[in-house]
Protein backbone atom coordinates (compact mmCIF):
# COMPACT_ATOMS: atom_id res chain seq x y z
CA MET A 1 0.00 0.02 0.07
CA THR A 2 1.37 3.43 -0.89
CA ARG A 3 1.65 6.42 1.32
CA TYR A 4 -1.07 8.15 -0.82
CA HIS A 5 -3.58 5.16 -0.36
CA PHE A 6 -2.95 5.05 3.29
CA PHE A 7 -3.75 8.68 3.69
CA ILE A 8 -6.93 8.38 1.78
CA LEU A 9 -8.02 5.43 3.77
CA LEU A 10 -7.04 7.34 7.07
CA THR A 11 -9.04 10.29 5.97
CA ILE A 12 -12.16 8.28 5.07
CA PHE A 13 -11.93 6.54 8.49
CA LEU A 14 -11.52 9.87 10.46
CA GLN A 15 -14.44 11.45 8.71
CA SER A 16 -16.68 8.44 9.65
CA VAL A 17 -15.61 8.52 13.25
CA THR A 18 -15.73 12.35 13.67
CA PRO A 19 -19.24 13.84 14.64
CA SER A 20 -20.78 16.16 12.05
CA LEU A 21 -21.85 19.45 12.77
CA ALA A 22 -25.55 18.47 12.55
CA ASP A 23 -25.01 15.91 15.36
CA GLU A 24 -27.41 15.47 18.10
CA HIS A 25 -24.70 16.64 20.50
CA VAL A 26 -24.42 20.29 19.31
CA PRO A 27 -25.10 22.20 22.41
CA LEU A 28 -28.28 24.35 22.08
CA GLU A 29 -29.51 24.68 25.69
CA ILE A 30 -28.10 25.36 29.23
CA ASN A 31 -30.24 25.35 32.42
CA GLY A 32 -33.65 25.51 30.55
CA PHE A 33 -32.82 28.22 28.09
CA ARG A 34 -32.81 27.10 24.33
CA LEU A 35 -31.24 28.88 21.50
CA GLY A 36 -33.80 29.55 18.91
CA THR A 37 -36.79 29.61 21.21
CA SER A 38 -39.06 32.64 21.84
CA ILE A 39 -38.23 34.64 24.89
CA GLU A 40 -41.96 34.83 25.49
CA LYS A 41 -41.76 31.04 26.55
CA TYR A 42 -40.05 32.20 29.70
CA ASP A 43 -42.77 34.07 31.52
CA TYR A 44 -40.63 33.95 34.76
CA ILE A 45 -38.11 36.80 33.48
CA SER A 46 -36.86 38.62 36.51
CA TYR A 47 -36.57 41.94 34.56
CA ARG A 48 -35.67 42.75 31.02
CA ASN A 49 -33.14 45.64 31.52
CA PHE A 50 -32.78 48.88 33.24
CA LEU A 51 -32.42 50.69 29.84
CA LYS A 52 -34.37 50.51 26.66
CA GLU A 53 -32.80 50.99 23.25
CA VAL A 54 -34.31 52.30 19.97
CA ILE A 55 -32.44 52.06 16.79
CA PHE A 56 -32.43 54.76 13.87
CA GLU A 57 -30.80 53.96 10.42
CA ASP A 58 -29.31 55.87 7.49
CA MET A 59 -29.08 59.47 8.69
CA GLY A 60 -26.48 61.60 6.86
CA GLY A 61 -22.87 60.32 7.58
CA PHE A 62 -24.19 57.75 10.11
CA ARG A 63 -25.36 54.29 9.22
CA LYS A 64 -27.00 53.49 12.54
CA ALA A 65 -27.80 55.07 15.89
CA GLU A 66 -28.59 53.37 19.07
CA ILE A 67 -30.43 55.61 21.61
CA ALA A 68 -30.72 54.28 25.22
CA TYR A 69 -33.14 55.79 27.66
CA GLY A 70 -34.23 55.21 31.22
CA VAL A 71 -37.04 53.13 32.47
CA CYS A 72 -37.14 53.70 36.26
CA ARG A 73 -35.70 56.85 37.77
CA ARG A 74 -35.86 58.90 34.77
CA PRO A 75 -38.30 57.18 32.41
CA GLY A 76 -37.94 58.20 28.78
CA GLU A 77 -34.80 60.39 29.30
CA ILE A 78 -32.02 59.74 26.67
CA ILE A 79 -28.85 58.73 28.73
CA ARG A 80 -26.66 57.25 26.01
CA ILE A 81 -26.13 57.77 22.38
CA LYS A 82 -24.17 55.37 20.22
CA MET A 83 -23.73 56.60 16.47
CA LYS A 84 -21.94 54.27 13.86
CA TYR A 85 -20.41 56.23 11.10
CA ARG A 86 -21.17 55.27 7.51
CA ASN A 87 -17.40 55.15 6.44
CA PRO A 88 -15.75 52.24 8.47
CA SER A 89 -12.19 52.88 7.38
CA GLN A 90 -9.27 53.43 9.63
CA LYS A 91 -8.12 56.36 7.40
CA PHE A 92 -11.66 57.97 8.24
CA TYR A 93 -11.14 57.10 12.00
CA LYS A 94 -7.72 59.02 12.02
CA LYS A 95 -9.47 62.09 10.30
CA LEU A 96 -12.25 61.95 12.91
CA LEU A 97 -9.70 61.49 15.70
CA LYS A 98 -7.81 64.60 14.52
CA SER A 99 -10.98 66.61 14.43
CA TYR A 100 -12.21 65.33 17.86
CA LYS A 101 -8.81 66.46 19.30
CA GLU A 102 -9.12 70.00 17.67
CA LYS A 103 -12.52 70.42 19.10
CA PHE A 104 -12.44 68.60 22.57
CA GLY A 105 -8.64 68.76 23.31
CA LYS A 106 -6.54 65.81 24.03
CA PRO A 107 -8.43 62.52 25.34
CA GLU A 108 -8.16 61.50 28.78
CA GLU A 109 -7.73 57.70 28.30
CA PHE A 110 -7.11 55.17 25.85
CA VAL A 111 -9.86 52.48 26.24
CA GLY A 112 -9.05 50.37 23.39
CA ASP A 113 -7.19 47.00 23.70
CA ALA A 114 -3.47 46.27 23.96
CA PHE A 115 -3.36 44.69 20.46
CA GLY A 116 -4.63 47.48 18.47
CA ILE A 117 -7.69 45.59 17.29
CA ILE A 118 -10.11 48.10 18.92
CA MET A 119 -8.79 51.62 19.01
CA ALA A 120 -10.94 53.86 21.19
CA TRP A 121 -10.23 57.20 23.17
CA LYS A 122 -12.23 58.57 25.77
CA TRP A 123 -12.85 62.27 26.90
CA ARG A 124 -14.61 63.24 30.29
CA PHE A 125 -16.68 66.40 30.71
CA THR A 126 -19.00 68.10 33.24
CA ASP A 127 -21.86 70.16 31.87
CA LYS A 128 -23.28 73.25 33.39
CA ASP A 129 -25.75 71.24 35.67
CA ASN A 130 -22.82 69.36 37.07
CA ASN A 131 -23.59 66.06 35.04
CA ASN A 132 -20.72 63.76 34.16
CA ILE A 133 -20.53 63.25 30.22
CA THR A 134 -18.14 60.75 28.53
CA LEU A 135 -17.23 60.91 24.88
CA VAL A 136 -15.74 57.83 23.05
CA LEU A 137 -14.48 57.57 19.53
CA GLN A 138 -13.79 54.04 18.51
CA HIS A 139 -12.65 52.10 15.52
CA ASN A 140 -12.86 48.27 15.10
CA LEU A 141 -12.65 46.15 12.08
CA LYS A 142 -11.56 43.00 13.50
CA ASN A 143 -13.48 42.03 16.82
CA LEU A 144 -16.96 40.84 15.80
CA ASP A 145 -18.19 40.99 19.36
CA GLU A 146 -17.84 44.71 19.31
CA ASN A 147 -19.62 47.10 16.74
CA VAL A 148 -17.42 46.94 13.52
CA GLY A 149 -16.37 50.06 11.99
CA ASN A 150 -16.21 53.75 13.39
CA MET A 151 -18.43 54.77 16.22
CA VAL A 152 -18.93 57.62 18.70
CA LYS A 153 -20.52 57.03 22.13
CA LEU A 154 -21.90 59.82 24.31
CA SER A 155 -23.29 58.97 27.56
CA MET A 156 -24.06 60.10 31.06
CA PRO A 157 -22.44 57.30 33.17
CA ASP A 158 -24.01 58.55 36.51
CA ARG A 159 -27.35 58.62 35.18
CA ILE A 160 -26.83 54.97 33.71
CA GLU A 161 -25.85 53.96 37.21
CA GLU A 162 -28.82 55.62 38.80
CA GLU A 163 -31.20 53.70 36.39
CA ARG A 164 -29.36 50.43 37.12
CA GLU A 165 -29.67 50.99 41.07
CA CYS A 166 -33.36 52.18 40.69
CA PHE A 167 -34.25 49.14 38.66
CA ASN A 168 -32.33 46.61 40.81
CA LYS A 169 -34.09 48.11 43.94
CA SER A 170 -37.47 47.77 42.52
CA PHE A 171 -36.64 44.01 42.05
CA LYS A 172 -34.53 43.32 45.05
CA ASN A 173 -37.13 41.53 47.10
CA LYS A 174 -39.22 40.09 44.22
CA LYS A 175 -39.04 36.32 44.36
CA MET A 176 -39.43 34.58 41.00
CA ASP A 177 -41.12 31.23 40.58
CA TYR A 178 -38.47 29.47 38.23
CA PRO A 179 -39.28 25.96 37.19
CA ASP A 180 -37.84 23.41 39.76
CA ALA A 181 -35.46 22.06 37.06
CA MET A 182 -33.68 25.38 36.56
CA LEU A 183 -33.02 25.70 40.24
CA SER A 184 -30.91 22.54 40.42
CA ARG A 185 -27.34 22.87 41.12
CA ASP A 186 -26.46 19.46 39.66
CA TRP A 187 -23.29 19.40 37.36
CA GLU A 188 -25.24 18.22 34.46
CA ASN A 189 -27.48 21.26 34.65
CA MET A 190 -24.68 23.63 34.47
CA LEU A 191 -23.30 22.11 31.18
CA PRO A 192 -24.68 23.08 27.68
CA HIS A 193 -26.55 20.13 26.15
């Protein structure tokens, strides 16, 4: 038997014993939550979130905007704005960064990563009413867990924290009736299946 034939047979054998992606062992569920099911199935949700978001698309030089507003302490008040620029290039990011520095001065902090995958600079301000405001200019073309492209984030971190605290306080003493199976601390229940 030649080396070529040996490798062909070995490849066929390995393919026959390797599970396929459509195998029944693909993890789809953990502790009663299953990918692909409707969230409406879980009527025992503790709470949805302390902020609500709305999305706007295709506005001038921006491809998308995510506007977050409070639901507890200041219902309906906008406390975070994320705008994704239409132009995703690094060249455009550098031009933006230069303009931001000219308008707002030197940023206070680099909040990107050490590998240069996400480049982000942060400014901090206090407005006339003594509210803390943060401004972040971010560029990312590689990390798909983050927004890809160029983005500006403008937020009121103190107000975000106020919303979180208000929302958590309103649910602190509320006991949820989870199904017994979800309350199990068995090892098997903590692994995807």
